[in-house]
Amino acid sequence: VEVRVMSAHRTPEAAAEFSKTARENGFGVIIAAAGKAAHLAGV
């Protein structure tokens, strides 16, 4: 498991880049936790 802080609103480019390359980086599933507006999982 790898754990990171990323924001859908404050670091959208980093979140998008992580997600785009997750499969090639050996990930099989992404778990995203967010409160309030909670757009992280969707992004």
ModelCIF file with pLDDT and N, C-alpha, C, O atoms, coordinates in Angstrom:
data_MODEL
#
_entry.id   MODEL 
#
_entity.id                         1 
_entity.type                       polymer 
_entity.pdbx_number_of_molecules   1 
#
_entity_poly.entity_id                      1 
_entity_poly.type                           'polypeptide(L)' 
_entity_poly.nstd_linkage                   no 
_entity_poly.nstd_monomer                   no 
_entity_poly.pdbx_seq_one_letter_code       VEVRVMSAHRTPEAAAEFSKTARENGFGVIIAAAGKAAHLAGV 
_entity_poly.pdbx_seq_one_letter_code_can   VEVRVMSAHRTPEAAAEFSKTARENGFGVIIAAAGKAAHLAGV 
_entity_poly.pdbx_strand_id                 A 
#
loop_
_entity_poly_seq.entity_id 
_entity_poly_seq.num 
_entity_poly_seq.mon_id 
_entity_poly_seq.hetero 
1 1  VAL n 
1 2  GLU n 
1 3  VAL n 
1 4  ARG n 
1 5  VAL n 
1 6  MET n 
1 7  SER n 
1 8  ALA n 
1 9  HIS n 
1 10 ARG n 
1 11 THR n 
1 12 PRO n 
1 13 GLU n 
1 14 ALA n 
1 15 ALA n 
1 16 ALA n 
1 17 GLU n 
1 18 PHE n 
1 19 SER n 
1 20 LYS n 
1 21 THR n 
1 22 ALA n 
1 23 ARG n 
1 24 GLU n 
1 25 ASN n 
1 26 GLY n 
1 27 PHE n 
1 28 GLY n 
1 29 VAL n 
1 30 ILE n 
1 31 ILE n 
1 32 ALA n 
1 33 ALA n 
1 34 ALA n 
1 35 GLY n 
1 36 LYS n 
1 37 ALA n 
1 38 ALA n 
1 39 HIS n 
1 40 LEU n 
1 41 ALA n 
1 42 GLY n 
1 43 VAL n 
#
_struct_asym.id          A 
_struct_asym.entity_id   1 
#
loop_
_ma_qa_metric.id 
_ma_qa_metric.mode 
_ma_qa_metric.name 
_ma_qa_metric.software_group_id 
_ma_qa_metric.type 
1 global pLDDT . pLDDT 
2 local  pLDDT . pLDDT 
#
_ma_qa_metric_global.metric_id      1 
_ma_qa_metric_global.metric_value   96.53 
_ma_qa_metric_global.model_id       1 
_ma_qa_metric_global.ordinal_id     1 
#
loop_
_ma_qa_metric_local.label_asym_id 
_ma_qa_metric_local.label_comp_id 
_ma_qa_metric_local.label_seq_id 
_ma_qa_metric_local.metric_id 
_ma_qa_metric_local.metric_value 
_ma_qa_metric_local.model_id 
_ma_qa_metric_local.ordinal_id 
A VAL 1  2 98.00 1 1  
A GLU 2  2 98.00 1 2  
A VAL 3  2 98.00 1 3  
A ARG 4  2 98.00 1 4  
A VAL 5  2 98.00 1 5  
A MET 6  2 97.00 1 6  
A SER 7  2 95.00 1 7  
A ALA 8  2 95.00 1 8  
A HIS 9  2 94.00 1 9  
A ARG 10 2 95.00 1 10 
A THR 11 2 96.00 1 11 
A PRO 12 2 96.00 1 12 
A GLU 13 2 97.00 1 13 
A ALA 14 2 97.00 1 14 
A ALA 15 2 97.00 1 15 
A ALA 16 2 97.00 1 16 
A GLU 17 2 98.00 1 17 
A PHE 18 2 98.00 1 18 
A SER 19 2 98.00 1 19 
A LYS 20 2 98.00 1 20 
A THR 21 2 98.00 1 21 
A ALA 22 2 98.00 1 22 
A ARG 23 2 98.00 1 23 
A GLU 24 2 97.00 1 24 
A ASN 25 2 98.00 1 25 
A GLY 26 2 97.00 1 26 
A PHE 27 2 98.00 1 27 
A GLY 28 2 98.00 1 28 
A VAL 29 2 98.00 1 29 
A ILE 30 2 98.00 1 30 
A ILE 31 2 98.00 1 31 
A ALA 32 2 98.00 1 32 
A ALA 33 2 98.00 1 33 
A ALA 34 2 96.00 1 34 
A GLY 35 2 93.00 1 35 
A LYS 36 2 90.00 1 36 
A ALA 37 2 86.00 1 37 
A ALA 38 2 92.00 1 38 
A HIS 39 2 95.00 1 39 
A LEU 40 2 97.00 1 40 
A ALA 41 2 98.00 1 41 
A GLY 42 2 97.00 1 42 
A VAL 43 2 97.00 1 43 
#
loop_
_atom_site.group_PDB 
_atom_site.id 
_atom_site.type_symbol 
_atom_site.label_atom_id 
_atom_site.label_alt_id 
_atom_site.label_comp_id 
_atom_site.label_asym_id 
_atom_site.label_entity_id 
_atom_site.label_seq_id 
_atom_site.pdbx_PDB_ins_code 
_atom_site.Cartn_x 
_atom_site.Cartn_y 
_atom_site.Cartn_z 
_atom_site.occupancy 
_atom_site.B_iso_or_equiv 
_atom_site.pdbx_formal_charge 
_atom_site.auth_seq_id 
_atom_site.auth_comp_id 
_atom_site.auth_asym_id 
_atom_site.auth_atom_id 
_atom_site.pdbx_PDB_model_num 
ATOM 1   N N  . VAL A 1 1  ? 0.845   -1.197 0.000   1.00 98.00 ? 1  VAL A N  1 
ATOM 2   C CA . VAL A 1 1  ? 0.000   0.000  0.000   1.00 98.00 ? 1  VAL A CA 1 
ATOM 3   C C  . VAL A 1 1  ? 0.879   1.244  0.000   1.00 98.00 ? 1  VAL A C  1 
ATOM 4   O O  . VAL A 1 1  ? 1.881   1.311  0.711   1.00 98.00 ? 1  VAL A O  1 
ATOM 5   N N  . GLU A 1 2  ? 0.491   2.220  -0.801  1.00 98.00 ? 2  GLU A N  1 
ATOM 6   C CA . GLU A 1 2  ? 1.146   3.528  -0.802  1.00 98.00 ? 2  GLU A CA 1 
ATOM 7   C C  . GLU A 1 2  ? 0.096   4.560  -0.422  1.00 98.00 ? 2  GLU A C  1 
ATOM 8   O O  . GLU A 1 2  ? -1.033  4.522  -0.912  1.00 98.00 ? 2  GLU A O  1 
ATOM 9   N N  . VAL A 1 3  ? 0.473   5.469  0.444   1.00 98.00 ? 3  VAL A N  1 
ATOM 10  C CA . VAL A 1 3  ? -0.458  6.454  0.994   1.00 98.00 ? 3  VAL A CA 1 
ATOM 11  C C  . VAL A 1 3  ? 0.039   7.851  0.632   1.00 98.00 ? 3  VAL A C  1 
ATOM 12  O O  . VAL A 1 3  ? 1.215   8.167  0.813   1.00 98.00 ? 3  VAL A O  1 
ATOM 13  N N  . ARG A 1 4  ? -0.857  8.673  0.123   1.00 98.00 ? 4  ARG A N  1 
ATOM 14  C CA . ARG A 1 4  ? -0.479  10.027 -0.292  1.00 98.00 ? 4  ARG A CA 1 
ATOM 15  C C  . ARG A 1 4  ? -1.595  11.026 -0.009  1.00 98.00 ? 4  ARG A C  1 
ATOM 16  O O  . ARG A 1 4  ? -2.762  10.660 0.124   1.00 98.00 ? 4  ARG A O  1 
ATOM 17  N N  . VAL A 1 5  ? -1.210  12.291 0.079   1.00 98.00 ? 5  VAL A N  1 
ATOM 18  C CA . VAL A 1 5  ? -2.166  13.398 0.157   1.00 98.00 ? 5  VAL A CA 1 
ATOM 19  C C  . VAL A 1 5  ? -2.164  14.086 -1.200  1.00 98.00 ? 5  VAL A C  1 
ATOM 20  O O  . VAL A 1 5  ? -1.120  14.510 -1.696  1.00 98.00 ? 5  VAL A O  1 
ATOM 21  N N  . MET A 1 6  ? -3.351  14.190 -1.794  1.00 97.00 ? 6  MET A N  1 
ATOM 22  C CA . MET A 1 6  ? -3.536  14.920 -3.049  1.00 97.00 ? 6  MET A CA 1 
ATOM 23  C C  . MET A 1 6  ? -4.903  15.570 -2.991  1.00 97.00 ? 6  MET A C  1 
ATOM 24  O O  . MET A 1 6  ? -5.829  15.032 -2.383  1.00 97.00 ? 6  MET A O  1 
ATOM 25  N N  . SER A 1 7  ? -5.029  16.695 -3.605  1.00 95.00 ? 7  SER A N  1 
ATOM 26  C CA . SER A 1 7  ? -6.296  17.416 -3.582  1.00 95.00 ? 7  SER A CA 1 
ATOM 27  C C  . SER A 1 7  ? -6.869  17.539 -4.989  1.00 95.00 ? 7  SER A C  1 
ATOM 28  O O  . SER A 1 7  ? -6.165  17.885 -5.938  1.00 95.00 ? 7  SER A O  1 
ATOM 29  N N  . ALA A 1 8  ? -8.146  17.252 -5.100  1.00 95.00 ? 8  ALA A N  1 
ATOM 30  C CA . ALA A 1 8  ? -8.828  17.436 -6.387  1.00 95.00 ? 8  ALA A CA 1 
ATOM 31  C C  . ALA A 1 8  ? -8.851  18.900 -6.795  1.00 95.00 ? 8  ALA A C  1 
ATOM 32  O O  . ALA A 1 8  ? -8.932  19.223 -7.981  1.00 95.00 ? 8  ALA A O  1 
ATOM 33  N N  . HIS A 1 9  ? -8.780  19.784 -5.804  1.00 94.00 ? 9  HIS A N  1 
ATOM 34  C CA . HIS A 1 9  ? -8.908  21.216 -6.077  1.00 94.00 ? 9  HIS A CA 1 
ATOM 35  C C  . HIS A 1 9  ? -7.592  21.974 -5.974  1.00 94.00 ? 9  HIS A C  1 
ATOM 36  O O  . HIS A 1 9  ? -7.360  22.918 -6.729  1.00 94.00 ? 9  HIS A O  1 
ATOM 37  N N  . ARG A 1 10 ? -6.732  21.571 -5.050  1.00 95.00 ? 10 ARG A N  1 
ATOM 38  C CA . ARG A 1 10 ? -5.478  22.309 -4.843  1.00 95.00 ? 10 ARG A CA 1 
ATOM 39  C C  . ARG A 1 10 ? -4.311  21.747 -5.648  1.00 95.00 ? 10 ARG A C  1 
ATOM 40  O O  . ARG A 1 10 ? -3.377  22.476 -5.983  1.00 95.00 ? 10 ARG A O  1 
ATOM 41  N N  . THR A 1 11 ? -4.364  20.448 -5.959  1.00 96.00 ? 11 THR A N  1 
ATOM 42  C CA . THR A 1 11 ? -3.308  19.831 -6.782  1.00 96.00 ? 11 THR A CA 1 
ATOM 43  C C  . THR A 1 11 ? -3.943  18.943 -7.860  1.00 96.00 ? 11 THR A C  1 
ATOM 44  O O  . THR A 1 11 ? -3.621  17.758 -7.948  1.00 96.00 ? 11 THR A O  1 
ATOM 45  N N  . PRO A 1 12 ? -4.834  19.500 -8.672  1.00 96.00 ? 12 PRO A N  1 
ATOM 46  C CA . PRO A 1 12 ? -5.530  18.662 -9.658  1.00 96.00 ? 12 PRO A CA 1 
ATOM 47  C C  . PRO A 1 12 ? -4.601  18.018 -10.685 1.00 96.00 ? 12 PRO A C  1 
ATOM 48  O O  . PRO A 1 12 ? -4.847  16.892 -11.117 1.00 96.00 ? 12 PRO A O  1 
ATOM 49  N N  . GLU A 1 13 ? -3.540  18.717 -11.079 1.00 97.00 ? 13 GLU A N  1 
ATOM 50  C CA . GLU A 1 13 ? -2.620  18.144 -12.056 1.00 97.00 ? 13 GLU A CA 1 
ATOM 51  C C  . GLU A 1 13 ? -1.897  16.932 -11.469 1.00 97.00 ? 13 GLU A C  1 
ATOM 52  O O  . GLU A 1 13 ? -1.730  15.922 -12.153 1.00 97.00 ? 13 GLU A O  1 
ATOM 53  N N  . ALA A 1 14 ? -1.469  17.023 -10.216 1.00 97.00 ? 14 ALA A N  1 
ATOM 54  C CA . ALA A 1 14 ? -0.777  15.901 -9.571  1.00 97.00 ? 14 ALA A CA 1 
ATOM 55  C C  . ALA A 1 14 ? -1.717  14.705 -9.417  1.00 97.00 ? 14 ALA A C  1 
ATOM 56  O O  . ALA A 1 14 ? -1.310  13.563 -9.626  1.00 97.00 ? 14 ALA A O  1 
ATOM 57  N N  . ALA A 1 15 ? -2.962  14.966 -9.055  1.00 97.00 ? 15 ALA A N  1 
ATOM 58  C CA . ALA A 1 15 ? -3.941  13.886 -8.907  1.00 97.00 ? 15 ALA A CA 1 
ATOM 59  C C  . ALA A 1 15 ? -4.187  13.210 -10.255 1.00 97.00 ? 15 ALA A C  1 
ATOM 60  O O  . ALA A 1 15 ? -4.216  11.982 -10.341 1.00 97.00 ? 15 ALA A O  1 
ATOM 61  N N  . ALA A 1 16 ? -4.362  14.002 -11.294 1.00 97.00 ? 16 ALA A N  1 
ATOM 62  C CA . ALA A 1 16 ? -4.592  13.449 -12.626 1.00 97.00 ? 16 ALA A CA 1 
ATOM 63  C C  . ALA A 1 16 ? -3.389  12.641 -13.093 1.00 97.00 ? 16 ALA A C  1 
ATOM 64  O O  . ALA A 1 16 ? -3.556  11.547 -13.631 1.00 97.00 ? 16 ALA A O  1 
ATOM 65  N N  . GLU A 1 17 ? -2.195  13.154 -12.900 1.00 98.00 ? 17 GLU A N  1 
ATOM 66  C CA . GLU A 1 17 ? -0.977  12.451 -13.334 1.00 98.00 ? 17 GLU A CA 1 
ATOM 67  C C  . GLU A 1 17 ? -0.793  11.147 -12.568 1.00 98.00 ? 17 GLU A C  1 
ATOM 68  O O  . GLU A 1 17 ? -0.433  10.127 -13.156 1.00 98.00 ? 17 GLU A O  1 
ATOM 69  N N  . PHE A 1 18 ? -1.038  11.171 -11.258 1.00 98.00 ? 18 PHE A N  1 
ATOM 70  C CA . PHE A 1 18 ? -0.939  9.937  -10.472 1.00 98.00 ? 18 PHE A CA 1 
ATOM 71  C C  . PHE A 1 18 ? -1.884  8.889  -11.033 1.00 98.00 ? 18 PHE A C  1 
ATOM 72  O O  . PHE A 1 18 ? -1.494  7.743  -11.253 1.00 98.00 ? 18 PHE A O  1 
ATOM 73  N N  . SER A 1 19 ? -3.122  9.286  -11.264 1.00 98.00 ? 19 SER A N  1 
ATOM 74  C CA . SER A 1 19 ? -4.141  8.358  -11.734 1.00 98.00 ? 19 SER A CA 1 
ATOM 75  C C  . SER A 1 19 ? -3.821  7.827  -13.129 1.00 98.00 ? 19 SER A C  1 
ATOM 76  O O  . SER A 1 19 ? -3.990  6.637  -13.395 1.00 98.00 ? 19 SER A O  1 
ATOM 77  N N  . LYS A 1 20 ? -3.360  8.701  -14.013 1.00 98.00 ? 20 LYS A N  1 
ATOM 78  C CA . LYS A 1 20 ? -3.026  8.293  -15.383 1.00 98.00 ? 20 LYS A CA 1 
ATOM 79  C C  . LYS A 1 20 ? -1.936  7.227  -15.409 1.00 98.00 ? 20 LYS A C  1 
ATOM 80  O O  . LYS A 1 20 ? -1.945  6.352  -16.275 1.00 98.00 ? 20 LYS A O  1 
ATOM 81  N N  . THR A 1 21 ? -1.008  7.293  -14.476 1.00 98.00 ? 21 THR A N  1 
ATOM 82  C CA . THR A 1 21 ? 0.148   6.384  -14.483 1.00 98.00 ? 21 THR A CA 1 
ATOM 83  C C  . THR A 1 21 ? 0.053   5.279  -13.433 1.00 98.00 ? 21 THR A C  1 
ATOM 84  O O  . THR A 1 21 ? 0.992   4.500  -13.275 1.00 98.00 ? 21 THR A O  1 
ATOM 85  N N  . ALA A 1 22 ? -1.050  5.202  -12.725 1.00 98.00 ? 22 ALA A N  1 
ATOM 86  C CA . ALA A 1 22 ? -1.177  4.240  -11.620 1.00 98.00 ? 22 ALA A CA 1 
ATOM 87  C C  . ALA A 1 22 ? -1.035  2.795  -12.092 1.00 98.00 ? 22 ALA A C  1 
ATOM 88  O O  . ALA A 1 22 ? -0.332  2.010  -11.455 1.00 98.00 ? 22 ALA A O  1 
ATOM 89  N N  . ARG A 1 23 ? -1.674  2.438  -13.172 1.00 98.00 ? 23 ARG A N  1 
ATOM 90  C CA . ARG A 1 23 ? -1.604  1.056  -13.663 1.00 98.00 ? 23 ARG A CA 1 
ATOM 91  C C  . ARG A 1 23 ? -0.163  0.683  -14.002 1.00 98.00 ? 23 ARG A C  1 
ATOM 92  O O  . ARG A 1 23 ? 0.325   -0.360 -13.566 1.00 98.00 ? 23 ARG A O  1 
ATOM 93  N N  . GLU A 1 24 ? 0.514   1.517  -14.765 1.00 97.00 ? 24 GLU A N  1 
ATOM 94  C CA . GLU A 1 24 ? 1.895   1.209  -15.152 1.00 97.00 ? 24 GLU A CA 1 
ATOM 95  C C  . GLU A 1 24 ? 2.844   1.235  -13.951 1.00 97.00 ? 24 GLU A C  1 
ATOM 96  O O  . GLU A 1 24 ? 3.934   0.667  -14.010 1.00 97.00 ? 24 GLU A O  1 
ATOM 97  N N  . ASN A 1 25 ? 2.434   1.887  -12.869 1.00 98.00 ? 25 ASN A N  1 
ATOM 98  C CA . ASN A 1 25 ? 3.243   1.921  -11.652 1.00 98.00 ? 25 ASN A CA 1 
ATOM 99  C C  . ASN A 1 25 ? 2.907   0.794  -10.681 1.00 98.00 ? 25 ASN A C  1 
ATOM 100 O O  . ASN A 1 25 ? 3.353   0.808  -9.534  1.00 98.00 ? 25 ASN A O  1 
ATOM 101 N N  . GLY A 1 26 ? 2.128   -0.174 -11.134 1.00 97.00 ? 26 GLY A N  1 
ATOM 102 C CA . GLY A 1 26 ? 1.890   -1.379 -10.344 1.00 97.00 ? 26 GLY A CA 1 
ATOM 103 C C  . GLY A 1 26 ? 0.678   -1.375 -9.439  1.00 97.00 ? 26 GLY A C  1 
ATOM 104 O O  . GLY A 1 26 ? 0.519   -2.280 -8.620  1.00 97.00 ? 26 GLY A O  1 
ATOM 105 N N  . PHE A 1 27 ? -0.180  -0.378 -9.568  1.00 98.00 ? 27 PHE A N  1 
ATOM 106 C CA . PHE A 1 27 ? -1.381  -0.330 -8.741  1.00 98.00 ? 27 PHE A CA 1 
ATOM 107 C C  . PHE A 1 27 ? -2.502  -1.141 -9.385  1.00 98.00 ? 27 PHE A C  1 
ATOM 108 O O  . PHE A 1 27 ? -2.594  -1.231 -10.610 1.00 98.00 ? 27 PHE A O  1 
ATOM 109 N N  . GLY A 1 28 ? -3.348  -1.729 -8.548  1.00 98.00 ? 28 GLY A N  1 
ATOM 110 C CA . GLY A 1 28 ? -4.499  -2.473 -9.028  1.00 98.00 ? 28 GLY A CA 1 
ATOM 111 C C  . GLY A 1 28 ? -5.813  -1.828 -8.643  1.00 98.00 ? 28 GLY A C  1 
ATOM 112 O O  . GLY A 1 28 ? -6.830  -2.036 -9.305  1.00 98.00 ? 28 GLY A O  1 
ATOM 113 N N  . VAL A 1 29 ? -5.797  -1.041 -7.570  1.00 98.00 ? 29 VAL A N  1 
ATOM 114 C CA . VAL A 1 29 ? -6.990  -0.372 -7.062  1.00 98.00 ? 29 VAL A CA 1 
ATOM 115 C C  . VAL A 1 29 ? -6.544  0.944  -6.428  1.00 98.00 ? 29 VAL A C  1 
ATOM 116 O O  . VAL A 1 29 ? -5.454  1.044  -5.864  1.00 98.00 ? 29 VAL A O  1 
ATOM 117 N N  . ILE A 1 30 ? -7.409  1.946  -6.534  1.00 98.00 ? 30 ILE A N  1 
ATOM 118 C CA . ILE A 1 30 ? -7.167  3.230  -5.864  1.00 98.00 ? 30 ILE A CA 1 
ATOM 119 C C  . ILE A 1 30 ? -8.307  3.461  -4.881  1.00 98.00 ? 30 ILE A C  1 
ATOM 120 O O  . ILE A 1 30 ? -9.480  3.359  -5.240  1.00 98.00 ? 30 ILE A O  1 
ATOM 121 N N  . ILE A 1 31 ? -7.951  3.772  -3.644  1.00 98.00 ? 31 ILE A N  1 
ATOM 122 C CA . ILE A 1 31 ? -8.924  4.184  -2.630  1.00 98.00 ? 31 ILE A CA 1 
ATOM 123 C C  . ILE A 1 31 ? -8.727  5.680  -2.420  1.00 98.00 ? 31 ILE A C  1 
ATOM 124 O O  . ILE A 1 31 ? -7.603  6.141  -2.222  1.00 98.00 ? 31 ILE A O  1 
ATOM 125 N N  . ALA A 1 32 ? -9.821  6.435  -2.464  1.00 98.00 ? 32 ALA A N  1 
ATOM 126 C CA . ALA A 1 32 ? -9.740  7.887  -2.312  1.00 98.00 ? 32 ALA A CA 1 
ATOM 127 C C  . ALA A 1 32 ? -10.681 8.356  -1.213  1.00 98.00 ? 32 ALA A C  1 
ATOM 128 O O  . ALA A 1 32 ? -11.878 8.070  -1.249  1.00 98.00 ? 32 ALA A O  1 
ATOM 129 N N  . ALA A 1 33 ? -10.143 9.070  -0.243  1.00 98.00 ? 33 ALA A N  1 
ATOM 130 C CA . ALA A 1 33 ? -10.937 9.581  0.874   1.00 98.00 ? 33 ALA A CA 1 
ATOM 131 C C  . ALA A 1 33 ? -10.957 11.099 0.833   1.00 98.00 ? 33 ALA A C  1 
ATOM 132 O O  . ALA A 1 33 ? -9.918  11.750 0.725   1.00 98.00 ? 33 ALA A O  1 
ATOM 133 N N  . ALA A 1 34 ? -12.163 11.650 0.921   1.00 96.00 ? 34 ALA A N  1 
ATOM 134 C CA . ALA A 1 34 ? -12.278 13.106 0.924   1.00 96.00 ? 34 ALA A CA 1 
ATOM 135 C C  . ALA A 1 34 ? -13.589 13.503 1.600   1.00 96.00 ? 34 ALA A C  1 
ATOM 136 O O  . ALA A 1 34 ? -14.563 12.750 1.596   1.00 96.00 ? 34 ALA A O  1 
ATOM 137 N N  . GLY A 1 35 ? -13.588 14.676 2.168   1.00 93.00 ? 35 GLY A N  1 
ATOM 138 C CA . GLY A 1 35 ? -14.775 15.206 2.816   1.00 93.00 ? 35 GLY A CA 1 
ATOM 139 C C  . GLY A 1 35 ? -15.296 16.421 2.077   1.00 93.00 ? 35 GLY A C  1 
ATOM 140 O O  . GLY A 1 35 ? -14.713 16.875 1.092   1.00 93.00 ? 35 GLY A O  1 
ATOM 141 N N  . LYS A 1 36 ? -16.401 16.931 2.574   1.00 90.00 ? 36 LYS A N  1 
ATOM 142 C CA . LYS A 1 36 ? -17.077 18.114 2.035   1.00 90.00 ? 36 LYS A CA 1 
ATOM 143 C C  . LYS A 1 36 ? -17.371 17.951 0.544   1.00 90.00 ? 36 LYS A C  1 
ATOM 144 O O  . LYS A 1 36 ? -18.182 17.099 0.182   1.00 90.00 ? 36 LYS A O  1 
ATOM 145 N N  . ALA A 1 37 ? -16.739 18.742 -0.340  1.00 86.00 ? 37 ALA A N  1 
ATOM 146 C CA . ALA A 1 37 ? -17.032 18.644 -1.772  1.00 86.00 ? 37 ALA A CA 1 
ATOM 147 C C  . ALA A 1 37 ? -16.681 17.268 -2.329  1.00 86.00 ? 37 ALA A C  1 
ATOM 148 O O  . ALA A 1 37 ? -17.337 16.803 -3.260  1.00 86.00 ? 37 ALA A O  1 
ATOM 149 N N  . ALA A 1 38 ? -15.665 16.609 -1.781  1.00 92.00 ? 38 ALA A N  1 
ATOM 150 C CA . ALA A 1 38 ? -15.319 15.212 -2.050  1.00 92.00 ? 38 ALA A CA 1 
ATOM 151 C C  . ALA A 1 38 ? -15.240 14.859 -3.531  1.00 92.00 ? 38 ALA A C  1 
ATOM 152 O O  . ALA A 1 38 ? -15.868 13.894 -3.967  1.00 92.00 ? 38 ALA A O  1 
ATOM 153 N N  . HIS A 1 39 ? -14.492 15.611 -4.297  1.00 95.00 ? 39 HIS A N  1 
ATOM 154 C CA . HIS A 1 39 ? -14.342 15.333 -5.719  1.00 95.00 ? 39 HIS A CA 1 
ATOM 155 C C  . HIS A 1 39 ? -13.145 14.447 -6.029  1.00 95.00 ? 39 HIS A C  1 
ATOM 156 O O  . HIS A 1 39 ? -12.953 14.070 -7.185  1.00 95.00 ? 39 HIS A O  1 
ATOM 157 N N  . LEU A 1 40 ? -12.337 14.104 -5.034  1.00 97.00 ? 40 LEU A N  1 
ATOM 158 C CA . LEU A 1 40 ? -11.090 13.391 -5.278  1.00 97.00 ? 40 LEU A CA 1 
ATOM 159 C C  . LEU A 1 40 ? -11.293 12.060 -5.997  1.00 97.00 ? 40 LEU A C  1 
ATOM 160 O O  . LEU A 1 40 ? -10.620 11.800 -6.995  1.00 97.00 ? 40 LEU A O  1 
ATOM 161 N N  . ALA A 1 41 ? -12.190 11.220 -5.523  1.00 98.00 ? 41 ALA A N  1 
ATOM 162 C CA . ALA A 1 41 ? -12.393 9.913  -6.154  1.00 98.00 ? 41 ALA A CA 1 
ATOM 163 C C  . ALA A 1 41 ? -12.808 10.069 -7.610  1.00 98.00 ? 41 ALA A C  1 
ATOM 164 O O  . ALA A 1 41 ? -12.331 9.335  -8.475  1.00 98.00 ? 41 ALA A O  1 
ATOM 165 N N  . GLY A 1 42 ? -13.683 11.010 -7.884  1.00 97.00 ? 42 GLY A N  1 
ATOM 166 C CA . GLY A 1 42 ? -14.132 11.236 -9.256  1.00 97.00 ? 42 GLY A CA 1 
ATOM 167 C C  . GLY A 1 42 ? -13.030 11.738 -10.163 1.00 97.00 ? 42 GLY A C  1 
ATOM 168 O O  . GLY A 1 42 ? -12.926 11.309 -11.312 1.00 97.00 ? 42 GLY A O  1 
ATOM 169 N N  . VAL A 1 43 ? -12.203 12.646 -9.655  1.00 97.00 ? 43 VAL A N  1 
ATOM 170 C CA . VAL A 1 43 ? -11.080 13.147 -10.455 1.00 97.00 ? 43 VAL A CA 1 
ATOM 171 C C  . VAL A 1 43 ? -10.121 12.006 -10.773 1.00 97.00 ? 43 VAL A C  1 
ATOM 172 O O  . VAL A 1 43 ? -9.108  12.219 -11.439 1.00 97.00 ? 43 VAL A O  1 
#
